C-alpha atoms as a PDB file:
ATOM      1  CA  UNK A   1     -13.631  27.754  -4.942  1.00  0.00           C
ATOM      2  CA  UNK A   2     -15.256  24.223  -4.693  1.00  0.00           C
ATOM      3  CA  UNK A   3     -14.533  21.841  -2.139  1.00  0.00           C
ATOM      4  CA  UNK A   4     -12.283  19.940  -4.671  1.00  0.00           C
ATOM      5  CA  UNK A   5     -10.283  22.250  -5.435  1.00  0.00           C
ATOM      6  CA  UNK A   6     -10.846  24.107  -9.208  1.00  0.00           C
ATOM      7  CA  UNK A   7      -7.937  24.024 -11.508  1.00  0.00           C
ATOM      8  CA  UNK A   8      -9.655  26.455 -13.974  1.00  0.00           C
ATOM      9  CA  UNK A   9     -12.670  28.827 -13.782  1.00  0.00           C
ATOM     10  CA  UNK A  10     -15.811  27.692 -14.432  1.00  0.00           C
ATOM     11  CA  UNK A  11     -17.105  27.607 -17.790  1.00  0.00           C
ATOM     12  CA  UNK A  12     -20.115  29.575 -19.738  1.00  0.00           C
ATOM     13  CA  UNK A  13     -22.270  26.715 -19.932  1.00  0.00           C
ATOM     14  CA  UNK A  14     -21.501  25.720 -15.941  1.00  0.00           C
ATOM     15  CA  UNK A  15     -22.118  29.613 -14.873  1.00  0.00           C
ATOM     16  CA  UNK A  16     -25.239  29.872 -17.420  1.00  0.00           C
ATOM     17  CA  UNK A  17     -26.546  25.955 -15.538  1.00  0.00           C
ATOM     18  CA  UNK A  18     -25.707  26.980 -12.018  1.00  0.00           C
ATOM     19  CA  UNK A  19     -28.369  29.802 -12.812  1.00  0.00           C
ATOM     20  CA  UNK A  20     -31.442  27.499 -13.248  1.00  0.00           C
ATOM     21  CA  UNK A  21     -30.207  26.230  -9.461  1.00  0.00           C
ATOM     22  CA  UNK A  22     -30.804  27.189  -6.354  1.00  0.00           C
ATOM     23  CA  UNK A  23     -27.631  27.621  -3.729  1.00  0.00           C
ATOM     24  CA  UNK A  24     -28.481  24.257  -1.888  1.00  0.00           C
ATOM     25  CA  UNK A  25     -29.028  22.782  -4.956  1.00  0.00           C
ATOM     26  CA  UNK A  26     -25.579  23.765  -6.508  1.00  0.00           C
ATOM     27  CA  UNK A  27     -24.114  22.927  -3.636  1.00  0.00           C
ATOM     28  CA  UNK A  28     -25.394  19.395  -3.456  1.00  0.00           C
ATOM     29  CA  UNK A  29     -24.136  18.732  -7.104  1.00  0.00           C
ATOM     30  CA  UNK A  30     -20.910  20.384  -6.309  1.00  0.00           C
ATOM     31  CA  UNK A  31     -20.820  17.435  -3.563  1.00  0.00           C
ATOM     32  CA  UNK A  32     -21.758  14.834  -5.410  1.00  0.00           C
ATOM     33  CA  UNK A  33     -19.242  15.633  -8.673  1.00  0.00           C
ATOM     34  CA  UNK A  34     -16.472  13.105  -8.503  1.00  0.00           C
ATOM     35  CA  UNK A  35     -12.896  14.632  -7.461  1.00  0.00           C
ATOM     36  CA  UNK A  36     -10.545  15.292 -10.833  1.00  0.00           C
ATOM     37  CA  UNK A  37      -7.767  13.276 -10.784  1.00  0.00           C
ATOM     38  CA  UNK A  38      -5.437  16.649 -10.861  1.00  0.00           C
ATOM     39  CA  UNK A  39      -6.881  17.320  -7.612  1.00  0.00           C
ATOM     40  CA  UNK A  40      -6.850  13.502  -6.164  1.00  0.00           C
ATOM     41  CA  UNK A  41      -3.124  13.972  -7.028  1.00  0.00           C
ATOM     42  CA  UNK A  42      -2.895  17.206  -4.978  1.00  0.00           C
ATOM     43  CA  UNK A  43      -4.271  15.745  -2.245  1.00  0.00           C
ATOM     44  CA  UNK A  44      -1.647  12.559  -2.038  1.00  0.00           C
ATOM     45  CA  UNK A  45       1.435  15.693  -2.995  1.00  0.00           C
ATOM     46  CA  UNK A  46       0.536  17.629  -0.305  1.00  0.00           C
ATOM     47  CA  UNK A  47       0.195  14.530   2.429  1.00  0.00           C
ATOM     48  CA  UNK A  48       3.826  13.615   0.586  1.00  0.00           C
ATOM     49  CA  UNK A  49       5.002  16.194   1.310  1.00  0.00           C
ATOM     50  CA  UNK A  50       4.184  16.198   5.249  1.00  0.00           C
ATOM     51  CA  UNK A  51       5.884  12.973   5.268  1.00  0.00           C
ATOM     52  CA  UNK A  52       9.031  13.866   3.630  1.00  0.00           C
ATOM     53  CA  UNK A  53       9.895  16.702   6.361  1.00  0.00           C
ATOM     54  CA  UNK A  54       8.720  14.026   9.438  1.00  0.00           C
ATOM     55  CA  UNK A  55      11.993  13.812  12.026  1.00  0.00           C
ATOM     56  CA  UNK A  56      13.594  10.180  11.269  1.00  0.00           C
ATOM     57  CA  UNK A  57      13.259   9.376  14.602  1.00  0.00           C
ATOM     58  CA  UNK A  58       9.127   9.241  14.011  1.00  0.00           C
ATOM     59  CA  UNK A  59       9.189   7.383  10.623  1.00  0.00           C
ATOM     60  CA  UNK A  60      11.620   4.467  12.093  1.00  0.00           C
ATOM     61  CA  UNK A  61       8.949   4.504  15.251  1.00  0.00           C
ATOM     62  CA  UNK A  62       6.246   4.396  12.960  1.00  0.00           C
ATOM     63  CA  UNK A  63       7.806   2.117  10.505  1.00  0.00           C
ATOM     64  CA  UNK A  64       8.173  -0.242  13.637  1.00  0.00           C
ATOM     65  CA  UNK A  65       5.065  -0.327  14.155  1.00  0.00           C
ATOM     66  CA  UNK A  66       3.590  -1.463  10.966  1.00  0.00           C
ATOM     67  CA  UNK A  67       5.982  -3.611  10.558  1.00  0.00           C
ATOM     68  CA  UNK A  68       4.853  -5.545  13.867  1.00  0.00           C
ATOM     69  CA  UNK A  69       1.446  -5.001  12.916  1.00  0.00           C
ATOM     70  CA  UNK A  70       1.411  -6.630   9.497  1.00  0.00           C
ATOM     71  CA  UNK A  71       2.526  -9.681  11.089  1.00  0.00           C
ATOM     72  CA  UNK A  72      -0.873  -9.952  12.146  1.00  0.00           C
ATOM     73  CA  UNK A  73      -2.110 -10.465   8.379  1.00  0.00           C
ATOM     74  CA  UNK A  74       0.305 -13.603   8.287  1.00  0.00           C
ATOM     75  CA  UNK A  75      -0.871 -14.779  11.863  1.00  0.00           C
ATOM     76  CA  UNK A  76      -4.598 -14.390  10.905  1.00  0.00           C
ATOM     77  CA  UNK A  77      -4.464 -16.158   7.949  1.00  0.00           C
ATOM     78  CA  UNK A  78      -2.777 -19.211   9.746  1.00  0.00           C
ATOM     79  CA  UNK A  79      -5.422 -18.670  12.109  1.00  0.00           C
ATOM     80  CA  UNK A  80      -8.185 -19.099  10.060  1.00  0.00           C
ATOM     81  CA  UNK A  81      -6.504 -22.290   7.640  1.00  0.00           C
ATOM     82  CA  UNK A  82      -5.705 -24.068  11.041  1.00  0.00           C
ATOM     83  CA  UNK A  83      -9.553 -24.051  12.004  1.00  0.00           C
ATOM     84  CA  UNK A  84     -10.798 -24.719   8.793  1.00  0.00           C
ATOM     85  CA  UNK A  85     -11.193 -27.932   7.045  1.00  0.00           C
ATOM     86  CA  UNK A  86      -8.672 -28.717   4.529  1.00  0.00           C
ATOM     87  CA  UNK A  87     -11.211 -28.062   1.533  1.00  0.00           C
ATOM     88  CA  UNK A  88     -11.004 -26.074  -1.793  1.00  0.00           C
ATOM     89  CA  UNK A  89     -13.124 -23.141  -0.492  1.00  0.00           C
ATOM     90  CA  UNK A  90     -10.424 -22.840   2.134  1.00  0.00           C
ATOM     91  CA  UNK A  91      -8.426 -20.617   0.891  1.00  0.00           C
ATOM     92  CA  UNK A  92     -11.526 -18.209  -0.023  1.00  0.00           C
ATOM     93  CA  UNK A  93     -12.258 -17.917   3.651  1.00  0.00           C
ATOM     94  CA  UNK A  94      -8.552 -18.133   4.902  1.00  0.00           C
ATOM     95  CA  UNK A  95      -7.334 -15.221   2.729  1.00  0.00           C
ATOM     96  CA  UNK A  96      -9.760 -12.859   4.443  1.00  0.00           C
ATOM     97  CA  UNK A  97      -7.228 -12.952   7.257  1.00  0.00           C
ATOM     98  CA  UNK A  98      -4.008 -11.225   5.574  1.00  0.00           C
ATOM     99  CA  UNK A  99      -6.009  -7.765   5.730  1.00  0.00           C
ATOM    100  CA  UNK A 100      -6.176  -7.821   9.171  1.00  0.00           C
ATOM    101  CA  UNK A 101      -2.541  -6.623   9.520  1.00  0.00           C
ATOM    102  CA  UNK A 102      -3.226  -3.941   6.725  1.00  0.00           C
ATOM    103  CA  UNK A 103      -6.532  -2.449   8.755  1.00  0.00           C
ATOM    104  CA  UNK A 104      -4.267  -1.997  11.625  1.00  0.00           C
ATOM    105  CA  UNK A 105      -1.252  -0.392   9.465  1.00  0.00           C
ATOM    106  CA  UNK A 106      -3.731   1.837   7.225  1.00  0.00           C
ATOM    107  CA  UNK A 107      -6.132   3.211   9.608  1.00  0.00           C
ATOM    108  CA  UNK A 108      -3.653   3.642  12.029  1.00  0.00           C
ATOM    109  CA  UNK A 109      -1.824   5.963   9.915  1.00  0.00           C
ATOM    110  CA  UNK A 110       1.365   4.049  10.333  1.00  0.00           C
ATOM    111  CA  UNK A 111       4.472   3.798   7.953  1.00  0.00           C
ATOM    112  CA  UNK A 112       4.327   1.845   5.433  1.00  0.00           C
ATOM    113  CA  UNK A 113       6.633   1.208   2.857  1.00  0.00           C
ATOM    114  CA  UNK A 114       4.582   0.127  -0.091  1.00  0.00           C
ATOM    115  CA  UNK A 115       2.123   3.204   0.440  1.00  0.00           C
ATOM    116  CA  UNK A 116       5.215   5.317   0.232  1.00  0.00           C
ATOM    117  CA  UNK A 117       5.596   4.087  -3.654  1.00  0.00           C
ATOM    118  CA  UNK A 118       3.098   6.438  -4.284  1.00  0.00           C
ATOM    119  CA  UNK A 119       2.725   8.885  -1.588  1.00  0.00           C
ATOM    120  CA  UNK A 120       6.762  10.191  -1.038  1.00  0.00           C
ATOM    121  CA  UNK A 121       7.252  10.008  -4.808  1.00  0.00           C
ATOM    122  CA  UNK A 122       4.260  12.439  -6.063  1.00  0.00           C
ATOM    123  CA  UNK A 123       5.762  15.672  -4.159  1.00  0.00           C
ATOM    124  CA  UNK A 124       9.154  14.469  -6.386  1.00  0.00           C
ATOM    125  CA  UNK A 125       7.252  14.176  -9.646  1.00  0.00           C
ATOM    126  CA  UNK A 126       5.548  17.477  -9.039  1.00  0.00           C
ATOM    127  CA  UNK A 127       8.792  19.998  -8.013  1.00  0.00           C
ATOM    128  CA  UNK A 128      11.723  17.053  -9.366  1.00  0.00           C
ATOM    129  CA  UNK A 129      14.508  18.706  -8.018  1.00  0.00           C
ATOM    130  CA  UNK A 130      17.737  16.965  -6.147  1.00  0.00           C
ATOM    131  CA  UNK A 131      16.683  18.163  -2.492  1.00  0.00           C
ATOM    132  CA  UNK A 132      13.214  16.480  -3.340  1.00  0.00           C
ATOM    133  CA  UNK A 133      14.410  13.341  -4.316  1.00  0.00           C
ATOM    134  CA  UNK A 134      16.962  12.955  -1.362  1.00  0.00           C
ATOM    135  CA  UNK A 135      14.457  13.373   0.932  1.00  0.00           C
ATOM    136  CA  UNK A 136      12.649  10.153  -1.061  1.00  0.00           C
ATOM    137  CA  UNK A 137      15.539   8.357  -0.196  1.00  0.00           C
ATOM    138  CA  UNK A 138      15.477   9.151   2.926  1.00  0.00           C
ATOM    139  CA  UNK A 139      11.518   8.213   3.577  1.00  0.00           C
ATOM    140  CA  UNK A 140      12.178   4.778   1.633  1.00  0.00           C
ATOM    141  CA  UNK A 141      15.108   4.011   3.797  1.00  0.00           C
ATOM    142  CA  UNK A 142      14.400   4.593   6.908  1.00  0.00           C
ATOM    143  CA  UNK A 143      10.712   2.779   6.639  1.00  0.00           C
ATOM    144  CA  UNK A 144      12.235   0.456   4.720  1.00  0.00           C
ATOM    145  CA  UNK A 145      14.398  -0.521   7.267  1.00  0.00           C
ATOM    146  CA  UNK A 146      11.913  -0.417  10.029  1.00  0.00           C
ATOM    147  CA  UNK A 147       9.090  -2.195   7.907  1.00  0.00           C
ATOM    148  CA  UNK A 148      11.830  -5.016   7.598  1.00  0.00           C
ATOM    149  CA  UNK A 149      12.589  -5.003  11.356  1.00  0.00           C
ATOM    150  CA  UNK A 150       9.193  -5.101  12.848  1.00  0.00           C
ATOM    151  CA  UNK A 151       8.405  -7.708  10.226  1.00  0.00           C
ATOM    152  CA  UNK A 152      11.288 -10.023  11.348  1.00  0.00           C
ATOM    153  CA  UNK A 153      10.536  -9.313  14.745  1.00  0.00           C
ATOM    154  CA  UNK A 154       6.963 -10.810  14.249  1.00  0.00           C
ATOM    155  CA  UNK A 155       8.771 -13.352  12.932  1.00  0.00           C
ATOM    156  CA  UNK A 156      10.746 -14.843  15.390  1.00  0.00           C
ATOM    157  CA  UNK A 157       7.911 -14.112  17.980  1.00  0.00           C
ATOM    158  CA  UNK A 158       5.853 -16.769  16.156  1.00  0.00           C
ATOM    159  CA  UNK A 159       8.886 -19.188  16.656  1.00  0.00           C
ATOM    160  CA  UNK A 160       9.248 -18.752  19.964  1.00  0.00           C
ATOM    161  CA  UNK A 161       6.003 -19.676  20.174  1.00  0.00           C
ATOM    162  CA  UNK A 162       5.902 -22.808  18.160  1.00  0.00           C
ATOM    163  CA  UNK A 163       5.858 -25.167  21.204  1.00  0.00           C
ATOM    164  CA  UNK A 164       2.428 -23.312  22.612  1.00  0.00           C
ATOM    165  CA  UNK A 165      -0.174 -24.254  19.550  1.00  0.00           C
ATOM    166  CA  UNK A 166       2.060 -26.346  17.269  1.00  0.00           C
ATOM    167  CA  UNK A 167      -1.521 -26.797  15.098  1.00  0.00           C
ATOM    168  CA  UNK A 168      -1.271 -22.986  13.929  1.00  0.00           C
ATOM    169  CA  UNK A 169       2.696 -23.245  13.539  1.00  0.00           C
ATOM    170  CA  UNK A 170       2.015 -25.989  10.972  1.00  0.00           C
ATOM    171  CA  UNK A 171      -0.346 -23.358   9.408  1.00  0.00           C
ATOM    172  CA  UNK A 172       2.181 -20.502   9.807  1.00  0.00           C
ATOM    173  CA  UNK A 173       5.499 -22.887   8.041  1.00  0.00           C
ATOM    174  CA  UNK A 174       2.648 -24.055   5.304  1.00  0.00           C
ATOM    175  CA  UNK A 175       2.063 -20.590   4.373  1.00  0.00           C
ATOM    176  CA  UNK A 176       5.187 -19.438   4.872  1.00  0.00           C
ATOM    177  CA  UNK A 177       6.552 -21.947   2.149  1.00  0.00           C
ATOM    178  CA  UNK A 178       3.986 -20.946  -0.421  1.00  0.00           C
ATOM    179  CA  UNK A 179       4.401 -17.411  -0.076  1.00  0.00           C
ATOM    180  CA  UNK A 180       8.438 -17.720   0.121  1.00  0.00           C
ATOM    181  CA  UNK A 181       8.258 -21.216  -2.968  1.00  0.00           C
ATOM    182  CA  UNK A 182       8.686 -18.812  -6.327  1.00  0.00           C
ATOM    183  CA  UNK A 183      11.483 -18.501  -8.346  1.00  0.00           C
ATOM    184  CA  UNK A 184      13.236 -14.922  -8.175  1.00  0.00           C
ATOM    185  CA  UNK A 185      11.329 -13.596 -11.577  1.00  0.00           C
ATOM    186  CA  UNK A 186       8.090 -15.137 -10.522  1.00  0.00           C
ATOM    187  CA  UNK A 187       8.161 -13.593  -6.864  1.00  0.00           C
ATOM    188  CA  UNK A 188       9.300 -10.281  -8.524  1.00  0.00           C
ATOM    189  CA  UNK A 189       6.023 -10.138 -11.080  1.00  0.00           C
ATOM    190  CA  UNK A 190       3.778 -11.047  -8.477  1.00  0.00           C
ATOM    191  CA  UNK A 191       5.355  -8.354  -6.055  1.00  0.00           C
ATOM    192  CA  UNK A 192       4.317  -5.510  -9.247  1.00  0.00           C
ATOM    193  CA  UNK A 193       0.549  -6.613  -9.046  1.00  0.00           C
ATOM    194  CA  UNK A 194       0.483  -6.159  -5.164  1.00  0.00           C
ATOM    195  CA  UNK A 195       2.888  -2.625  -5.416  1.00  0.00           C
ATOM    196  CA  UNK A 196      -0.097  -1.540  -7.509  1.00  0.00           C
ATOM    197  CA  UNK A 197      -2.780  -2.456  -5.962  1.00  0.00           C
ATOM    198  CA  UNK A 198      -1.657  -0.664  -2.910  1.00  0.00           C
ATOM    199  CA  UNK A 199      -0.906   2.499  -4.608  1.00  0.00           C
ATOM    200  CA  UNK A 200      -4.057   2.051  -6.571  1.00  0.00           C
ATOM    201  CA  UNK A 201      -6.009   1.878  -2.461  1.00  0.00           C
ATOM    202  CA  UNK A 202      -3.963   4.799  -1.544  1.00  0.00           C
ATOM    203  CA  UNK A 203      -5.145   6.324  -4.747  1.00  0.00           C
ATOM    204  CA  UNK A 204      -8.550   5.983  -3.996  1.00  0.00           C
ATOM    205  CA  UNK A 205      -8.981   6.518  -0.289  1.00  0.00           C
ATOM    206  CA  UNK A 206      -7.583   9.473  -1.002  1.00  0.00           C
ATOM    207  CA  UNK A 207     -10.720  10.728  -2.277  1.00  0.00           C
ATOM    208  CA  UNK A 208     -12.893   9.261   0.716  1.00  0.00           C
ATOM    209  CA  UNK A 209     -13.012   7.738   4.199  1.00  0.00           C
ATOM    210  CA  UNK A 210     -16.434   6.159   4.311  1.00  0.00           C
ATOM    211  CA  UNK A 211     -14.969   3.409   1.469  1.00  0.00           C
ATOM    212  CA  UNK A 212     -11.551   3.048   3.175  1.00  0.00           C
ATOM    213  CA  UNK A 213     -12.499  -0.073   5.387  1.00  0.00           C
ATOM    214  CA  UNK A 214     -14.055  -1.983   2.654  1.00  0.00           C
ATOM    215  CA  UNK A 215     -12.003  -1.011   0.174  1.00  0.00           C
ATOM    216  CA  UNK A 216      -8.704  -1.877   2.339  1.00  0.00           C
ATOM    217  CA  UNK A 217     -10.517  -5.605   2.992  1.00  0.00           C
ATOM    218  CA  UNK A 218     -11.153  -5.852  -0.676  1.00  0.00           C
ATOM    219  CA  UNK A 219      -7.700  -4.958  -2.120  1.00  0.00           C
ATOM    220  CA  UNK A 220      -5.857  -7.427   0.362  1.00  0.00           C
ATOM    221  CA  UNK A 221      -7.839 -10.431   0.001  1.00  0.00           C
ATOM    222  CA  UNK A 222      -7.086 -10.232  -3.655  1.00  0.00           C
ATOM    223  CA  UNK A 223      -3.678 -10.223  -3.280  1.00  0.00           C
ATOM    224  CA  UNK A 224      -3.463 -12.716  -0.688  1.00  0.00           C
ATOM    225  CA  UNK A 225      -5.813 -15.027  -3.042  1.00  0.00           C
ATOM    226  CA  UNK A 226      -3.739 -14.129  -6.277  1.00  0.00           C
ATOM    227  CA  UNK A 227      -0.394 -14.767  -3.873  1.00  0.00           C
ATOM    228  CA  UNK A 228       1.135 -11.674  -4.918  1.00  0.00           C
ATOM    229  CA  UNK A 229       4.348 -10.954  -3.317  1.00  0.00           C
ATOM    230  CA  UNK A 230       4.105  -8.338  -0.374  1.00  0.00           C
ATOM    231  CA  UNK A 231       7.639  -7.211   0.682  1.00  0.00           C
ATOM    232  CA  UNK A 232       6.831  -6.804   4.330  1.00  0.00           C
ATOM    233  CA  UNK A 233       4.255  -9.248   5.249  1.00  0.00           C
ATOM    234  CA  UNK A 234       6.299 -11.552   3.089  1.00  0.00           C
ATOM    235  CA  UNK A 235       9.286 -10.756   4.936  1.00  0.00           C
ATOM    236  CA  UNK A 236       7.648 -12.135   8.387  1.00  0.00           C
ATOM    237  CA  UNK A 237       7.060 -15.375   6.475  1.00  0.00           C
ATOM    238  CA  UNK A 238      10.529 -15.762   5.081  1.00  0.00           C
ATOM    239  CA  UNK A 239      11.958 -14.798   8.474  1.00  0.00           C
ATOM    240  CA  UNK A 240      10.272 -17.505  10.268  1.00  0.00           C
ATOM    241  CA  UNK A 241      11.443 -19.962   8.314  1.00  0.00           C
ATOM    242  CA  UNK A 242      14.931 -18.665   8.846  1.00  0.00           C
ATOM    243  CA  UNK A 243      14.232 -19.153  12.452  1.00  0.00           C
ATOM    244  CA  UNK A 244      13.393 -22.841  11.887  1.00  0.00           C
ATOM    245  CA  UNK A 245      16.864 -22.844  10.101  1.00  0.00           C
ATOM    246  CA  UNK A 246      14.500 -24.429   6.754  1.00  0.00           C
ATOM    247  CA  UNK A 247      16.642 -21.404   4.491  1.00  0.00           C
ATOM    248  CA  UNK A 248      18.900 -19.409   5.122  1.00  0.00           C
ATOM    249  CA  UNK A 249      19.228 -15.960   5.828  1.00  0.00           C
ATOM    250  CA  UNK A 250      20.752 -15.068   2.338  1.00  0.00           C
ATOM    251  CA  UNK A 251      18.251 -17.057   0.068  1.00  0.00           C
ATOM    252  CA  UNK A 252      15.558 -15.496   2.248  1.00  0.00           C
ATOM    253  CA  UNK A 253      17.101 -11.749   1.543  1.00  0.00           C
ATOM    254  CA  UNK A 254      17.763 -12.431  -2.170  1.00  0.00           C
ATOM    255  CA  UNK A 255      15.524 -15.175  -3.037  1.00  0.00           C
ATOM    256  CA  UNK A 256      12.479 -13.075  -1.632  1.00  0.00           C
ATOM    257  CA  UNK A 257      12.931  -9.649  -0.136  1.00  0.00           C
ATOM    258  CA  UNK A 258      14.895  -8.683  -3.101  1.00  0.00           C
ATOM    259  CA  UNK A 259      12.806  -9.907  -5.710  1.00  0.00           C
ATOM    260  CA  UNK A 260       9.753  -8.575  -3.933  1.00  0.00           C
ATOM    261  CA  UNK A 261      10.954  -5.573  -3.096  1.00  0.00           C
ATOM    262  CA  UNK A 262      11.754  -4.563  -6.800  1.00  0.00           C
ATOM    263  CA  UNK A 263       8.346  -5.821  -7.721  1.00  0.00           C
ATOM    264  CA  UNK A 264       6.131  -3.530  -5.578  1.00  0.00           C
ATOM    265  CA  UNK A 265       8.189  -0.384  -6.564  1.00  0.00           C
ATOM    266  CA  UNK A 266       7.641  -1.460 -10.111  1.00  0.00           C
ATOM    267  CA  UNK A 267       4.017  -1.773  -9.484  1.00  0.00           C
ATOM    268  CA  UNK A 268       3.616   1.084  -6.882  1.00  0.00           C
ATOM    269  CA  UNK A 269       5.716   3.564  -8.458  1.00  0.00           C
ATOM    270  CA  UNK A 270       6.763   3.162 -12.308  1.00  0.00           C
ATOM    271  CA  UNK A 271       3.485   1.373 -13.473  1.00  0.00           C
ATOM    272  CA  UNK A 272       0.985   3.233 -11.131  1.00  0.00           C
ATOM    273  CA  UNK A 273       2.215   6.406  -9.738  1.00  0.00           C
ATOM    274  CA  UNK A 274       4.292   7.598 -13.019  1.00  0.00           C
ATOM    275  CA  UNK A 275       1.210   6.639 -15.561  1.00  0.00           C
ATOM    276  CA  UNK A 276      -1.006   7.980 -13.345  1.00  0.00           C
ATOM    277  CA  UNK A 277       1.142  11.621 -13.684  1.00  0.00           C
ATOM    278  CA  UNK A 278       1.552  11.250 -16.949  1.00  0.00           C
ATOM    279  CA  UNK A 279      -2.119  11.337 -17.408  1.00  0.00           C
ATOM    280  CA  UNK A 280      -2.591  14.886 -14.785  1.00  0.00           C
ATOM    281  CA  UNK A 281       0.377  16.301 -16.356  1.00  0.00           C
ATOM    282  CA  UNK A 282      -2.140  15.655 -20.120  1.00  0.00           C
ATOM    283  CA  UNK A 283      -5.119  17.078 -18.518  1.00  0.00           C
ATOM    284  CA  UNK A 284      -3.548  20.593 -16.602  1.00  0.00           C
ATOM    285  CA  UNK A 285      -1.978  20.906 -20.518  1.00  0.00           C
ATOM    286  CA  UNK A 286      -5.393  20.739 -21.946  1.00  0.00           C
ATOM    287  CA  UNK A 287      -6.694  22.850 -18.868  1.00  0.00           C
ATOM    288  CA  UNK A 288      -4.635  25.635 -19.364  1.00  0.00           C
ATOM    289  CA  UNK A 289      -5.194  25.335 -23.433  1.00  0.00           C
ATOM    290  CA  UNK A 290      -8.939  25.881 -22.425  1.00  0.00           C
ATOM    291  CA  UNK A 291      -8.401  28.842 -20.426  1.00  0.00           C
ATOM    292  CA  UNK A 292      -6.439  30.446 -22.929  1.00  0.00           C
END
């Protein structure tokens, strides 16, 4: 059995070619052979199974910290905006700040709802039972509630500190107005982009640890630069405007949080995870046919 986990026995051609190499060369070949999509899915599925049985208190505590930590994406972006001149190239630099909170959350292995659009869904696809679906909904509900609470708390802290750095708070308000200023349907479709990219990032980082940091930076930078809607980071911005009195709580919840949430689920679970699972099922059926 190779480190990546073989789904089928070695073919005659593979066994014949291995006779031409010594053991160290074979190990090097296997090390450099890309992990197969079914094996990647299995890595994510096993991680998802562990998440499904975690205590609710652990999920909520981790989700609360993640919601707070993701607020640093908004703060870091505002800090860069406040210290950069108002030039055409400014968004290319300031949007790098958006990666800060995601690095804290993902590298710290905290519970983030948009990661769970693929992680805990994978066990449900492999074993579609009522018990598993209930477990998925349990994790989704607890983590989402905790994330939104943490993001709201961070928005409240930013509002309380408005008088400490007025120029920074102006930048925070500008970013928040921009992020929440789209209509319902446009917010949803922008949420699809963010959800798809986060799910793709989880998929890729499950195969390698060395590329995790640069991949997190690149993916979240693209989300910020493209003005995609992320439900948790965006909640910090929406709630900041609620605390300033610029928008109402109902408008923030229905006008931004709901469409961003639906878009993230549509992009992460439907357009990435389900389509990827369809590919994997086809691969597995082909492998079974070839081994007969």
